[in-house]
Amino acid sequence: MTRHALHVFNEMSKLGWTPSLRSSNCLLAKLVLAGEGDTTLMVFEQVLKMGIVPDVYMISIVVNAHCREGSVECAERFVEKMEGMGVEVNVVVYNALVGGYVCKGGVDGAERVLSLMSGRGVERNVVTWTLLMKCYCRQGRVDEAERLLRRMKEDEGVVVDDRVYGVLVNGYCQVGRMD
């Protein structure tokens, strides 16, 4: 399916037409979902050459492509590059970075991204904190995850839901602490 979309995208370019931001985002998102990370990154470069200015949605798609390819550090450098170009990066993009570190088991990287968010004035949300909790739990550090839950509620004022508690319950089950 993505091959047909790529063909149409390339044909538009050959005819001198510039695809819209929306159609570019759609193609990039489908490529990521299809596991075509390298192709996603190549198409993104084409999009830039066509003069299409990326929006925050496109940035998060490319970050996800890097993360799915196992290169969260590249994703982080990409975000810095986009910020340097004046593209506004929001909590969704940063959450994609945190999620990338969670998949790699990189608590240090996830915590660093949270610090970056704070330093850049990007408000962390329940997704951000839950991803960090998940990272702690995957490393068997459920006590730290529980401390983070208390911090979320008491210090950060985050409204937690059943999914947040589910992460903690799952963490305790993984380490065999079901008492």
Foldseek 3Di string as FASTA:
>chain_A
DLVVLVVVCVVCVVVVHQDAQVSLLVSLQVCVVVVNLVVSVVSVVVNVVNVHQHAQSSLQSNCLSCLSVVRLVVNVVSVVVSVVVVHDHAQSSLLSSLLSCLVVLNLVSLVVSVVVCVVVVHQHAPSSLLSSLLSCLVVLNLVVSVVSVCCCVPVVVYDDDPVSVVSSCVSCVVVPNPD
